[in-house]
Amino acid sequence: MNDYKNKSAAGLLSSDDKITLQQWFKTWLYEYRVNDLRPSSLEKYNGIYNNYIKNSEIGVIKLKDLSTSNLQAYYNVLMSKHKKSPNVIKTINKTIKCCLNQAVKETYILFNCSNNVILPKLASKKEVEIFTVEEQQQFIRSLDNHRHRVLFILVFATGLRLGEVTALKWHDINFEKNELSVKRTFKRVTILGKTEGNKTEIIEQPPKTEHSKRTIPIPSNVIIELKKHRKNQLAEKLKNKLIYVDNDLVFPNEIGEPTDPRNLDRSYARALKNAGISHKKFHALRHTYATRLFEADVPLKTVQELLGHSDISITANIYTHVMPKQKIAAVEKINSLFAL
């Protein structure tokens, strides 16, 4: 009783001892976070709620009764019985941690029990997929008359993400300075609650992070390709002038609307097959760009800025496959000092 009185006087008692984790999670997501999350992030968190919180073993537990052992047991079952990966478990716990941090601030609970969970070790990362120089040249040669030829070439030459290249507009390209600016991205997301059945839409949103807003030089040969592409686009615009919507997009569909990232990914897969090259994810174009930069001895910091990574360690960790060659080359530069 004395403990209860002390906590009450200090404002440390839960203001609602009946609220469950799933009730609080939904409140946290749609009352606290709905205005500061990108639509794609809101969709991701809503997916976590529907798949792992709502009516789950932990979701029905009252916040005041939720413990580290509850979470630990739930994660263990997800891994052993449902074969969820360590990365999925880490994502779930990270989201719950943010949710419970707010519950602590609101004094629904005294501490965040997710802080003490022991998470499974993440599997070692697979080596990134890249095109060899021969494959890159073979792929480009196979793209004659392909609708997305210049798009693929531009990604090879600038490392743009799929959503960034589809959202690129002509006024983002400076033909005098041979450079482009990344200012927005397209993504197909579920617009929650907007339509019956939560249908998907292609939306424009800010780049992934502040560092993703960047200016990238364009090789002069690719500038020539872009100018040719612009002429071809003008001809297409005239051909479809009655239904064409001019959004100033560099790579729209046939009537000027945003190119659906899903359709572009399918088109890319077919182009790879036609070129006789084993399948690689679209992101391999971006990885190839970075790898070619490292092979040309471009400094790590410069590559980080060109890719739009928020931290130089991200760049270093992703491209460890290039680092051994770079280290050997660096050591060879001081080799002459030891010719005694």
C-alpha atoms as a PDB file:
ATOM      1  CA  MET A   1       0.000   0.000   0.000  1.00  0.00           C
ATOM      2  CA  ASN A   2       2.847   2.400   0.858  1.00  0.00           C
ATOM      3  CA  ASP A   3       4.511   1.566  -2.481  1.00  0.00           C
ATOM      4  CA  TYR A   4       1.222   2.261  -4.286  1.00  0.00           C
ATOM      5  CA  LYS A   5       0.810   5.608  -2.502  1.00  0.00           C
ATOM      6  CA  ASN A   6       4.359   6.664  -3.303  1.00  0.00           C
ATOM      7  CA  LYS A   7       3.962   5.837  -7.004  1.00  0.00           C
ATOM      8  CA  SER A   8       0.590   7.548  -7.124  1.00  0.00           C
ATOM      9  CA  ALA A   9       2.039  10.709  -5.589  1.00  0.00           C
ATOM     10  CA  ALA A  10       4.873  10.627  -8.119  1.00  0.00           C
ATOM     11  CA  GLY A  11       2.434  10.128 -11.026  1.00  0.00           C
ATOM     12  CA  LEU A  12       3.916   6.734 -11.825  1.00  0.00           C
ATOM     13  CA  LEU A  13       0.725   4.690 -11.851  1.00  0.00           C
ATOM     14  CA  SER A  14      -0.867   3.619 -15.118  1.00  0.00           C
ATOM     15  CA  SER A  15      -3.768   5.887 -16.025  1.00  0.00           C
ATOM     16  CA  ASP A  16      -5.611   2.919 -17.518  1.00  0.00           C
ATOM     17  CA  ASP A  17      -4.756  -0.528 -16.183  1.00  0.00           C
ATOM     18  CA  LYS A  18      -7.030  -2.353 -18.626  1.00  0.00           C
ATOM     19  CA  ILE A  19      -5.529  -1.261 -21.951  1.00  0.00           C
ATOM     20  CA  THR A  20      -3.941  -4.110 -23.920  1.00  0.00           C
ATOM     21  CA  LEU A  21      -0.852  -4.010 -26.100  1.00  0.00           C
ATOM     22  CA  GLN A  22      -2.910  -4.258 -29.304  1.00  0.00           C
ATOM     23  CA  GLN A  23      -5.199  -1.410 -28.191  1.00  0.00           C
ATOM     24  CA  TRP A  24      -2.265   0.791 -27.307  1.00  0.00           C
ATOM     25  CA  PHE A  25      -0.330  -0.110 -30.476  1.00  0.00           C
ATOM     26  CA  LYS A  26      -3.272   0.982 -32.631  1.00  0.00           C
ATOM     27  CA  THR A  27      -3.675   4.202 -30.625  1.00  0.00           C
ATOM     28  CA  TRP A  28       0.044   4.901 -30.861  1.00  0.00           C
ATOM     29  CA  LEU A  29       0.095   4.301 -34.622  1.00  0.00           C
ATOM     30  CA  TYR A  30      -3.034   6.207 -35.603  1.00  0.00           C
ATOM     31  CA  GLU A  31      -2.997   8.987 -33.021  1.00  0.00           C
ATOM     32  CA  TYR A  32       0.694   9.665 -32.370  1.00  0.00           C
ATOM     33  CA  ARG A  33       2.544   8.550 -35.512  1.00  0.00           C
ATOM     34  CA  VAL A  34       0.031   8.951 -38.345  1.00  0.00           C
ATOM     35  CA  ASN A  35       1.172  12.496 -39.187  1.00  0.00           C
ATOM     36  CA  ASP A  36       4.945  12.037 -39.046  1.00  0.00           C
ATOM     37  CA  LEU A  37       5.291   8.733 -40.894  1.00  0.00           C
ATOM     38  CA  ARG A  38       5.671   8.430 -44.644  1.00  0.00           C
ATOM     39  CA  PRO A  39       2.750   6.500 -46.193  1.00  0.00           C
ATOM     40  CA  SER A  40       5.065   3.588 -46.937  1.00  0.00           C
ATOM     41  CA  SER A  41       6.229   3.464 -43.282  1.00  0.00           C
ATOM     42  CA  LEU A  42       2.635   3.681 -42.033  1.00  0.00           C
ATOM     43  CA  GLU A  43       1.780   0.753 -44.308  1.00  0.00           C
ATOM     44  CA  LYS A  44       4.737  -1.223 -42.904  1.00  0.00           C
ATOM     45  CA  TYR A  45       3.771  -0.585 -39.266  1.00  0.00           C
ATOM     46  CA  ASN A  46       0.137  -1.428 -40.008  1.00  0.00           C
ATOM     47  CA  GLY A  47       1.341  -4.721 -41.472  1.00  0.00           C
ATOM     48  CA  ILE A  48       3.244  -5.481 -38.266  1.00  0.00           C
ATOM     49  CA  TYR A  49       0.100  -4.717 -36.265  1.00  0.00           C
ATOM     50  CA  ASN A  50      -2.120  -6.985 -38.394  1.00  0.00           C
ATOM     51  CA  ASN A  51       0.372  -9.851 -38.662  1.00  0.00           C
ATOM     52  CA  TYR A  52       2.073  -9.919 -35.264  1.00  0.00           C
ATOM     53  CA  ILE A  53       0.158  -7.823 -32.710  1.00  0.00           C
ATOM     54  CA  LYS A  54      -3.592  -7.990 -33.356  1.00  0.00           C
ATOM     55  CA  ASN A  55      -5.162 -10.952 -31.504  1.00  0.00           C
ATOM     56  CA  SER A  56      -1.716 -12.479 -30.952  1.00  0.00           C
ATOM     57  CA  GLU A  57      -0.386 -14.032 -27.767  1.00  0.00           C
ATOM     58  CA  ILE A  58       1.158 -10.713 -26.733  1.00  0.00           C
ATOM     59  CA  GLY A  59      -1.477  -8.439 -28.279  1.00  0.00           C
ATOM     60  CA  VAL A  60      -4.194  -9.449 -25.813  1.00  0.00           C
ATOM     61  CA  ILE A  61      -1.976  -8.935 -22.757  1.00  0.00           C
ATOM     62  CA  LYS A  62      -2.628  -5.809 -20.703  1.00  0.00           C
ATOM     63  CA  LEU A  63       0.177  -3.281 -20.939  1.00  0.00           C
ATOM     64  CA  LYS A  64       0.703  -3.357 -17.173  1.00  0.00           C
ATOM     65  CA  ASP A  65       1.144  -7.144 -17.297  1.00  0.00           C
ATOM     66  CA  LEU A  66       3.391  -7.312 -20.354  1.00  0.00           C
ATOM     67  CA  SER A  67       6.855  -8.580 -19.490  1.00  0.00           C
ATOM     68  CA  THR A  68      10.152  -9.333 -21.136  1.00  0.00           C
ATOM     69  CA  SER A  69       9.463 -13.054 -20.739  1.00  0.00           C
ATOM     70  CA  ASN A  70       6.159 -12.645 -22.655  1.00  0.00           C
ATOM     71  CA  LEU A  71       7.954 -11.042 -25.587  1.00  0.00           C
ATOM     72  CA  GLN A  72      10.879 -13.475 -25.457  1.00  0.00           C
ATOM     73  CA  ALA A  73       8.570 -16.509 -25.515  1.00  0.00           C
ATOM     74  CA  TYR A  74       6.535 -15.043 -28.384  1.00  0.00           C
ATOM     75  CA  TYR A  75       9.621 -14.336 -30.494  1.00  0.00           C
ATOM     76  CA  ASN A  76      10.955 -17.830 -29.824  1.00  0.00           C
ATOM     77  CA  VAL A  77       7.674 -19.351 -31.058  1.00  0.00           C
ATOM     78  CA  LEU A  78       7.709 -17.141 -34.155  1.00  0.00           C
ATOM     79  CA  MET A  79      11.172 -18.465 -34.997  1.00  0.00           C
ATOM     80  CA  SER A  80      10.778 -22.135 -34.093  1.00  0.00           C
ATOM     81  CA  LYS A  81       7.173 -22.777 -35.127  1.00  0.00           C
ATOM     82  CA  HIS A  82       6.538 -20.149 -37.801  1.00  0.00           C
ATOM     83  CA  LYS A  83      10.100 -20.014 -39.192  1.00  0.00           C
ATOM     84  CA  LYS A  84      10.378 -16.238 -39.024  1.00  0.00           C
ATOM     85  CA  SER A  85      13.853 -14.877 -39.698  1.00  0.00           C
ATOM     86  CA  PRO A  86      16.000 -13.034 -37.132  1.00  0.00           C
ATOM     87  CA  ASN A  87      15.557  -9.906 -39.203  1.00  0.00           C
ATOM     88  CA  VAL A  88      11.746 -10.120 -38.890  1.00  0.00           C
ATOM     89  CA  ILE A  89      12.035 -10.569 -35.107  1.00  0.00           C
ATOM     90  CA  LYS A  90      14.363  -7.573 -34.888  1.00  0.00           C
ATOM     91  CA  THR A  91      11.902  -5.432 -36.876  1.00  0.00           C
ATOM     92  CA  ILE A  92       8.944  -6.451 -34.696  1.00  0.00           C
ATOM     93  CA  ASN A  93      10.820  -5.717 -31.472  1.00  0.00           C
ATOM     94  CA  LYS A  94      12.120  -2.398 -32.764  1.00  0.00           C
ATOM     95  CA  THR A  95       8.553  -1.310 -33.560  1.00  0.00           C
ATOM     96  CA  ILE A  96       7.181  -2.519 -30.227  1.00  0.00           C
ATOM     97  CA  LYS A  97      10.015  -0.694 -28.477  1.00  0.00           C
ATOM     98  CA  CYS A  98       8.983   2.615 -30.074  1.00  0.00           C
ATOM     99  CA  CYS A  99       5.355   1.922 -29.167  1.00  0.00           C
ATOM    100  CA  LEU A 100       6.170   1.128 -25.523  1.00  0.00           C
ATOM    101  CA  ASN A 101       8.476   4.135 -25.199  1.00  0.00           C
ATOM    102  CA  GLN A 102       5.421   6.313 -25.758  1.00  0.00           C
ATOM    103  CA  ALA A 103       3.462   4.248 -23.228  1.00  0.00           C
ATOM    104  CA  VAL A 104       6.173   4.962 -20.654  1.00  0.00           C
ATOM    105  CA  LYS A 105       5.900   8.692 -21.402  1.00  0.00           C
ATOM    106  CA  GLU A 106       2.143   8.478 -20.888  1.00  0.00           C
ATOM    107  CA  THR A 107       2.734   6.565 -17.592  1.00  0.00           C
ATOM    108  CA  TYR A 108       0.703   3.551 -18.747  1.00  0.00           C
ATOM    109  CA  ILE A 109       3.769   1.496 -17.764  1.00  0.00           C
ATOM    110  CA  LEU A 110       6.832   2.181 -15.648  1.00  0.00           C
ATOM    111  CA  PHE A 111       9.478   0.764 -17.981  1.00  0.00           C
ATOM    112  CA  ASN A 112       9.903  -0.657 -21.466  1.00  0.00           C
ATOM    113  CA  CYS A 113      10.199  -4.435 -21.176  1.00  0.00           C
ATOM    114  CA  SER A 114      11.280  -4.798 -24.818  1.00  0.00           C
ATOM    115  CA  ASN A 115      14.678  -3.337 -23.906  1.00  0.00           C
ATOM    116  CA  ASN A 116      15.682  -6.548 -22.142  1.00  0.00           C
ATOM    117  CA  VAL A 117      14.766  -9.053 -24.856  1.00  0.00           C
ATOM    118  CA  ILE A 118      17.656 -11.099 -26.227  1.00  0.00           C
ATOM    119  CA  LEU A 119      17.296 -10.978 -29.986  1.00  0.00           C
ATOM    120  CA  PRO A 120      18.547 -13.731 -32.306  1.00  0.00           C
ATOM    121  CA  LYS A 121      21.751 -13.114 -34.170  1.00  0.00           C
ATOM    122  CA  LEU A 122      21.204 -11.825 -37.674  1.00  0.00           C
ATOM    123  CA  ALA A 123      22.299 -14.098 -40.480  1.00  0.00           C
ATOM    124  CA  SER A 124      25.422 -13.000 -42.290  1.00  0.00           C
ATOM    125  CA  LYS A 125      24.566 -10.741 -45.176  1.00  0.00           C
ATOM    126  CA  LYS A 126      24.635 -12.160 -48.657  1.00  0.00           C
ATOM    127  CA  GLU A 127      27.140 -10.631 -51.013  1.00  0.00           C
ATOM    128  CA  VAL A 128      25.448  -7.970 -53.108  1.00  0.00           C
ATOM    129  CA  GLU A 129      24.507  -8.811 -56.677  1.00  0.00           C
ATOM    130  CA  ILE A 130      26.354  -6.874 -59.363  1.00  0.00           C
ATOM    131  CA  PHE A 131      26.894  -7.043 -63.104  1.00  0.00           C
ATOM    132  CA  THR A 132      30.364  -7.890 -64.298  1.00  0.00           C
ATOM    133  CA  VAL A 133      31.763  -5.393 -66.787  1.00  0.00           C
ATOM    134  CA  GLU A 134      31.056  -7.883 -69.586  1.00  0.00           C
ATOM    135  CA  GLU A 135      27.457  -8.436 -68.419  1.00  0.00           C
ATOM    136  CA  GLN A 136      26.886  -4.703 -68.124  1.00  0.00           C
ATOM    137  CA  GLN A 137      28.056  -4.096 -71.681  1.00  0.00           C
ATOM    138  CA  GLN A 138      26.132  -7.134 -72.957  1.00  0.00           C
ATOM    139  CA  PHE A 139      22.936  -5.913 -71.294  1.00  0.00           C
ATOM    140  CA  ILE A 140      23.235  -2.388 -72.697  1.00  0.00           C
ATOM    141  CA  ARG A 141      23.935  -3.724 -76.214  1.00  0.00           C
ATOM    142  CA  SER A 142      20.770  -5.850 -76.006  1.00  0.00           C
ATOM    143  CA  LEU A 143      18.539  -2.853 -75.279  1.00  0.00           C
ATOM    144  CA  ASP A 144      18.263  -1.377 -78.781  1.00  0.00           C
ATOM    145  CA  ASN A 145      14.685  -0.109 -79.292  1.00  0.00           C
ATOM    146  CA  HIS A 146      13.736  -1.103 -75.722  1.00  0.00           C
ATOM    147  CA  ARG A 147      11.367   1.424 -74.155  1.00  0.00           C
ATOM    148  CA  HIS A 148      13.368   1.583 -70.924  1.00  0.00           C
ATOM    149  CA  ARG A 149      16.826   1.521 -72.497  1.00  0.00           C
ATOM    150  CA  VAL A 150      17.845   5.000 -71.330  1.00  0.00           C
ATOM    151  CA  LEU A 151      16.328   4.444 -67.893  1.00  0.00           C
ATOM    152  CA  PHE A 152      18.492   1.358 -67.328  1.00  0.00           C
ATOM    153  CA  ILE A 153      21.571   3.145 -68.644  1.00  0.00           C
ATOM    154  CA  LEU A 154      20.930   6.139 -66.373  1.00  0.00           C
ATOM    155  CA  VAL A 155      20.688   3.908 -63.284  1.00  0.00           C
ATOM    156  CA  PHE A 156      23.956   2.211 -64.262  1.00  0.00           C
ATOM    157  CA  ALA A 157      25.466   5.707 -64.537  1.00  0.00           C
ATOM    158  CA  THR A 158      24.028   7.354 -61.409  1.00  0.00           C
ATOM    159  CA  GLY A 159      22.963   4.631 -58.966  1.00  0.00           C
ATOM    160  CA  LEU A 160      19.406   5.943 -58.621  1.00  0.00           C
ATOM    161  CA  ARG A 161      16.935   3.801 -56.722  1.00  0.00           C
ATOM    162  CA  LEU A 162      13.917   2.471 -58.623  1.00  0.00           C
ATOM    163  CA  GLY A 163      11.536   4.966 -56.994  1.00  0.00           C
ATOM    164  CA  GLU A 164      13.965   7.832 -57.596  1.00  0.00           C
ATOM    165  CA  VAL A 165      14.427   7.217 -61.298  1.00  0.00           C
ATOM    166  CA  THR A 166      10.696   6.819 -61.981  1.00  0.00           C
ATOM    167  CA  ALA A 167      10.028  10.114 -60.141  1.00  0.00           C
ATOM    168  CA  LEU A 168      12.756  12.035 -62.003  1.00  0.00           C
ATOM    169  CA  LYS A 169      11.531  15.134 -63.856  1.00  0.00           C
ATOM    170  CA  TRP A 170      13.142  17.004 -66.709  1.00  0.00           C
ATOM    171  CA  HIS A 171      13.627  20.127 -64.615  1.00  0.00           C
ATOM    172  CA  ASP A 172      15.708  17.989 -62.210  1.00  0.00           C
ATOM    173  CA  ILE A 173      18.335  17.586 -64.949  1.00  0.00           C
ATOM    174  CA  ASN A 174      20.848  20.367 -65.577  1.00  0.00           C
ATOM    175  CA  PHE A 175      22.116  19.810 -69.116  1.00  0.00           C
ATOM    176  CA  GLU A 176      24.658  22.627 -68.798  1.00  0.00           C
ATOM    177  CA  LYS A 177      26.345  21.161 -65.732  1.00  0.00           C
ATOM    178  CA  ASN A 178      25.698  17.500 -66.678  1.00  0.00           C
ATOM    179  CA  GLU A 179      24.035  16.658 -63.376  1.00  0.00           C
ATOM    180  CA  LEU A 180      20.691  15.689 -61.883  1.00  0.00           C
ATOM    181  CA  SER A 181      19.044  16.347 -58.524  1.00  0.00           C
ATOM    182  CA  VAL A 182      17.119  13.761 -56.522  1.00  0.00           C
ATOM    183  CA  LYS A 183      14.123  15.532 -54.972  1.00  0.00           C
ATOM    184  CA  ARG A 184      11.352  12.940 -54.727  1.00  0.00           C
ATOM    185  CA  THR A 185      10.530   9.267 -55.072  1.00  0.00           C
ATOM    186  CA  PHE A 186       7.551   7.194 -56.246  1.00  0.00           C
ATOM    187  CA  LYS A 187       6.258   4.177 -54.360  1.00  0.00           C
ATOM    188  CA  ARG A 188       3.181   2.003 -54.647  1.00  0.00           C
ATOM    189  CA  VAL A 189       1.570   1.813 -51.220  1.00  0.00           C
ATOM    190  CA  THR A 190      -1.710   0.820 -49.628  1.00  0.00           C
ATOM    191  CA  ILE A 191      -3.670   3.955 -48.760  1.00  0.00           C
ATOM    192  CA  LEU A 192      -5.076   2.791 -45.448  1.00  0.00           C
ATOM    193  CA  GLY A 193      -8.725   3.600 -44.861  1.00  0.00           C
ATOM    194  CA  LYS A 194      -8.982   5.786 -47.966  1.00  0.00           C
ATOM    195  CA  THR A 195     -10.810   3.265 -50.102  1.00  0.00           C
ATOM    196  CA  GLU A 196     -12.780   0.137 -49.402  1.00  0.00           C
ATOM    197  CA  GLY A 197     -10.416  -2.801 -49.410  1.00  0.00           C
ATOM    198  CA  ASN A 198      -7.343  -0.564 -48.964  1.00  0.00           C
ATOM    199  CA  LYS A 199      -6.421  -0.394 -52.643  1.00  0.00           C
ATOM    200  CA  THR A 200      -2.915   0.614 -53.652  1.00  0.00           C
ATOM    201  CA  GLU A 201      -1.773   3.817 -55.321  1.00  0.00           C
ATOM    202  CA  ILE A 202       1.477   5.196 -56.688  1.00  0.00           C
ATOM    203  CA  ILE A 203       2.329   8.154 -54.489  1.00  0.00           C
ATOM    204  CA  GLU A 204       5.036  10.798 -54.517  1.00  0.00           C
ATOM    205  CA  GLN A 205       6.970  11.176 -51.306  1.00  0.00           C
ATOM    206  CA  PRO A 206      10.241  12.759 -50.140  1.00  0.00           C
ATOM    207  CA  PRO A 207      13.456  10.781 -50.670  1.00  0.00           C
ATOM    208  CA  LYS A 208      14.307   8.042 -48.174  1.00  0.00           C
ATOM    209  CA  THR A 209      16.392  10.332 -45.923  1.00  0.00           C
ATOM    210  CA  GLU A 210      17.733  13.886 -46.004  1.00  0.00           C
ATOM    211  CA  HIS A 211      20.999  12.453 -47.366  1.00  0.00           C
ATOM    212  CA  SER A 212      19.029  10.894 -50.223  1.00  0.00           C
ATOM    213  CA  LYS A 213      18.354  14.416 -51.505  1.00  0.00           C
ATOM    214  CA  ARG A 214      21.474  14.805 -53.557  1.00  0.00           C
ATOM    215  CA  THR A 215      23.035  16.042 -56.783  1.00  0.00           C
ATOM    216  CA  ILE A 216      24.728  13.478 -59.014  1.00  0.00           C
ATOM    217  CA  PRO A 217      27.012  14.116 -62.017  1.00  0.00           C
ATOM    218  CA  ILE A 218      25.957  12.432 -65.260  1.00  0.00           C
ATOM    219  CA  PRO A 219      28.557  11.060 -67.697  1.00  0.00           C
ATOM    220  CA  SER A 220      28.578  13.067 -70.937  1.00  0.00           C
ATOM    221  CA  ASN A 221      27.747  10.008 -73.058  1.00  0.00           C
ATOM    222  CA  VAL A 222      24.632   9.452 -70.963  1.00  0.00           C
ATOM    223  CA  ILE A 223      23.652  13.113 -71.408  1.00  0.00           C
ATOM    224  CA  ILE A 224      23.625  12.451 -75.154  1.00  0.00           C
ATOM    225  CA  GLU A 225      21.327   9.455 -74.564  1.00  0.00           C
ATOM    226  CA  LEU A 226      18.980  11.591 -72.451  1.00  0.00           C
ATOM    227  CA  LYS A 227      18.701  14.230 -75.174  1.00  0.00           C
ATOM    228  CA  LYS A 228      17.781  11.545 -77.719  1.00  0.00           C
ATOM    229  CA  HIS A 229      15.267  10.118 -75.269  1.00  0.00           C
ATOM    230  CA  ARG A 230      13.664  13.547 -74.849  1.00  0.00           C
ATOM    231  CA  LYS A 231      13.137  13.850 -78.607  1.00  0.00           C
ATOM    232  CA  ASN A 232      11.548  10.392 -78.725  1.00  0.00           C
ATOM    233  CA  GLN A 233       9.308  11.338 -75.820  1.00  0.00           C
ATOM    234  CA  LEU A 234       8.119  14.491 -77.615  1.00  0.00           C
ATOM    235  CA  ALA A 235       7.160  12.349 -80.599  1.00  0.00           C
ATOM    236  CA  GLU A 236       5.246   9.981 -78.302  1.00  0.00           C
ATOM    237  CA  LYS A 237       3.518  12.952 -76.692  1.00  0.00           C
ATOM    238  CA  LEU A 238       2.322  14.213 -80.091  1.00  0.00           C
ATOM    239  CA  LYS A 239       1.144  10.743 -81.058  1.00  0.00           C
ATOM    240  CA  ASN A 240      -0.990  10.473 -77.900  1.00  0.00           C
ATOM    241  CA  LYS A 241      -1.776  14.182 -77.484  1.00  0.00           C
ATOM    242  CA  LEU A 242      -5.488  13.635 -76.867  1.00  0.00           C
ATOM    243  CA  ILE A 243      -4.883  11.520 -73.770  1.00  0.00           C
ATOM    244  CA  TYR A 244      -1.313  12.488 -72.814  1.00  0.00           C
ATOM    245  CA  VAL A 245      -0.856  14.073 -69.369  1.00  0.00           C
ATOM    246  CA  ASP A 246       2.356  16.077 -69.202  1.00  0.00           C
ATOM    247  CA  ASN A 247       3.827  15.639 -65.713  1.00  0.00           C
ATOM    248  CA  ASP A 248       7.352  16.603 -66.864  1.00  0.00           C
ATOM    249  CA  LEU A 249       8.470  13.057 -66.011  1.00  0.00           C
ATOM    250  CA  VAL A 250      11.620  11.771 -67.694  1.00  0.00           C
ATOM    251  CA  PHE A 251      10.376   8.168 -67.730  1.00  0.00           C
ATOM    252  CA  PRO A 252       6.537   8.155 -67.725  1.00  0.00           C
ATOM    253  CA  ASN A 253       4.319   5.535 -69.300  1.00  0.00           C
ATOM    254  CA  GLU A 254       2.929   5.945 -72.823  1.00  0.00           C
ATOM    255  CA  ILE A 255       0.388   8.605 -71.761  1.00  0.00           C
ATOM    256  CA  GLY A 256       2.577  10.614 -69.390  1.00  0.00           C
ATOM    257  CA  GLU A 257       1.504   9.007 -66.128  1.00  0.00           C
ATOM    258  CA  PRO A 258       4.007   7.671 -63.565  1.00  0.00           C
ATOM    259  CA  THR A 259       5.560   4.376 -64.550  1.00  0.00           C
ATOM    260  CA  ASP A 260       4.402   1.674 -62.161  1.00  0.00           C
ATOM    261  CA  PRO A 261       7.508   0.370 -60.318  1.00  0.00           C
ATOM    262  CA  ARG A 262       6.071  -3.145 -60.454  1.00  0.00           C
ATOM    263  CA  ASN A 263       5.696  -3.024 -64.236  1.00  0.00           C
ATOM    264  CA  LEU A 264       9.192  -1.581 -64.598  1.00  0.00           C
ATOM    265  CA  ASP A 265      10.618  -4.401 -62.484  1.00  0.00           C
ATOM    266  CA  ARG A 266       8.871  -6.968 -64.713  1.00  0.00           C
ATOM    267  CA  SER A 267      10.146  -5.226 -67.851  1.00  0.00           C
ATOM    268  CA  TYR A 268      13.674  -5.294 -66.424  1.00  0.00           C
ATOM    269  CA  ALA A 269      13.424  -9.032 -65.661  1.00  0.00           C
ATOM    270  CA  ARG A 270      12.320  -9.758 -69.246  1.00  0.00           C
ATOM    271  CA  ALA A 271      15.141  -7.611 -70.629  1.00  0.00           C
ATOM    272  CA  LEU A 272      17.686  -9.570 -68.586  1.00  0.00           C
ATOM    273  CA  LYS A 273      16.301 -12.846 -69.904  1.00  0.00           C
ATOM    274  CA  ASN A 274      16.406 -11.610 -73.496  1.00  0.00           C
ATOM    275  CA  ALA A 275      20.028 -10.564 -72.970  1.00  0.00           C
ATOM    276  CA  GLY A 276      20.916 -14.044 -71.722  1.00  0.00           C
ATOM    277  CA  ILE A 277      21.944 -12.782 -68.281  1.00  0.00           C
ATOM    278  CA  SER A 278      20.984 -14.578 -65.065  1.00  0.00           C
ATOM    279  CA  HIS A 279      18.338 -12.762 -63.018  1.00  0.00           C
ATOM    280  CA  LYS A 280      19.485 -10.036 -60.651  1.00  0.00           C
ATOM    281  CA  LYS A 281      17.305  -7.668 -58.655  1.00  0.00           C
ATOM    282  CA  PHE A 282      16.775  -4.176 -60.089  1.00  0.00           C
ATOM    283  CA  HIS A 283      18.853  -2.860 -57.192  1.00  0.00           C
ATOM    284  CA  ALA A 284      21.840  -4.668 -58.749  1.00  0.00           C
ATOM    285  CA  LEU A 285      22.075  -1.755 -61.209  1.00  0.00           C
ATOM    286  CA  ARG A 286      22.700   0.579 -58.267  1.00  0.00           C
ATOM    287  CA  HIS A 287      25.165  -1.839 -56.673  1.00  0.00           C
ATOM    288  CA  THR A 288      26.993  -2.096 -59.984  1.00  0.00           C
ATOM    289  CA  TYR A 289      27.306   1.693 -60.161  1.00  0.00           C
ATOM    290  CA  ALA A 290      28.910   1.783 -56.709  1.00  0.00           C
ATOM    291  CA  THR A 291      31.212  -1.123 -57.513  1.00  0.00           C
ATOM    292  CA  ARG A 292      32.443   0.533 -60.721  1.00  0.00           C
ATOM    293  CA  LEU A 293      33.211   3.682 -58.683  1.00  0.00           C
ATOM    294  CA  PHE A 294      35.271   1.715 -56.174  1.00  0.00           C
ATOM    295  CA  GLU A 295      37.069  -0.081 -58.997  1.00  0.00           C
ATOM    296  CA  ALA A 296      37.976   3.359 -60.352  1.00  0.00           C
ATOM    297  CA  ASP A 297      39.499   4.278 -56.933  1.00  0.00           C
ATOM    298  CA  VAL A 298      36.787   6.798 -56.058  1.00  0.00           C
ATOM    299  CA  PRO A 299      37.048   7.527 -52.279  1.00  0.00           C
ATOM    300  CA  LEU A 300      34.558   5.888 -49.932  1.00  0.00           C
ATOM    301  CA  LYS A 301      33.205   9.247 -48.718  1.00  0.00           C
ATOM    302  CA  THR A 302      32.451  10.334 -52.284  1.00  0.00           C
ATOM    303  CA  VAL A 303      30.644   7.066 -53.032  1.00  0.00           C
ATOM    304  CA  GLN A 304      28.575   7.505 -49.864  1.00  0.00           C
ATOM    305  CA  GLU A 305      27.453  10.973 -50.966  1.00  0.00           C
ATOM    306  CA  LEU A 306      26.657   9.862 -54.509  1.00  0.00           C
ATOM    307  CA  LEU A 307      24.547   6.963 -53.234  1.00  0.00           C
ATOM    308  CA  GLY A 308      22.782   9.119 -50.645  1.00  0.00           C
ATOM    309  CA  HIS A 309      23.647   6.927 -47.660  1.00  0.00           C
ATOM    310  CA  SER A 310      23.135   8.618 -44.285  1.00  0.00           C
ATOM    311  CA  ASP A 311      26.278   7.087 -42.775  1.00  0.00           C
ATOM    312  CA  ILE A 312      29.608   6.140 -44.304  1.00  0.00           C
ATOM    313  CA  SER A 313      29.543   2.822 -42.392  1.00  0.00           C
ATOM    314  CA  ILE A 314      26.452   1.791 -44.384  1.00  0.00           C
ATOM    315  CA  THR A 315      28.394   2.172 -47.623  1.00  0.00           C
ATOM    316  CA  ALA A 316      31.429   0.344 -46.240  1.00  0.00           C
ATOM    317  CA  ASN A 317      29.333  -2.555 -44.900  1.00  0.00           C
ATOM    318  CA  ILE A 318      27.402  -3.048 -48.145  1.00  0.00           C
ATOM    319  CA  TYR A 319      30.436  -3.005 -50.399  1.00  0.00           C
ATOM    320  CA  THR A 320      32.845  -5.119 -48.393  1.00  0.00           C
ATOM    321  CA  HIS A 321      33.248  -7.309 -51.501  1.00  0.00           C
ATOM    322  CA  VAL A 322      35.185  -4.467 -53.128  1.00  0.00           C
ATOM    323  CA  MET A 323      37.272  -3.541 -50.097  1.00  0.00           C
ATOM    324  CA  PRO A 324      39.868  -6.365 -50.265  1.00  0.00           C
ATOM    325  CA  LYS A 325      40.925  -5.243 -53.750  1.00  0.00           C
ATOM    326  CA  GLN A 326      41.055  -1.626 -52.584  1.00  0.00           C
ATOM    327  CA  LYS A 327      43.199  -2.561 -49.571  1.00  0.00           C
ATOM    328  CA  ILE A 328      45.649  -4.510 -51.714  1.00  0.00           C
ATOM    329  CA  ALA A 329      45.910  -1.598 -54.151  1.00  0.00           C
ATOM    330  CA  ALA A 330      46.464   0.823 -51.275  1.00  0.00           C
ATOM    331  CA  VAL A 331      49.248  -1.297 -49.763  1.00  0.00           C
ATOM    332  CA  GLU A 332      50.952  -1.664 -53.151  1.00  0.00           C
ATOM    333  CA  LYS A 333      51.263   2.138 -53.316  1.00  0.00           C
ATOM    334  CA  ILE A 334      53.762   2.049 -50.452  1.00  0.00           C
ATOM    335  CA  ASN A 335      55.484  -1.110 -51.679  1.00  0.00           C
ATOM    336  CA  SER A 336      58.474   0.815 -53.053  1.00  0.00           C
ATOM    337  CA  LEU A 337      59.398   1.942 -49.521  1.00  0.00           C
ATOM    338  CA  PHE A 338      60.468  -1.602 -48.750  1.00  0.00           C
ATOM    339  CA  ALA A 339      62.751  -2.154 -51.737  1.00  0.00           C
ATOM    340  CA  LEU A 340      65.843  -2.183 -49.464  1.00  0.00           C
END
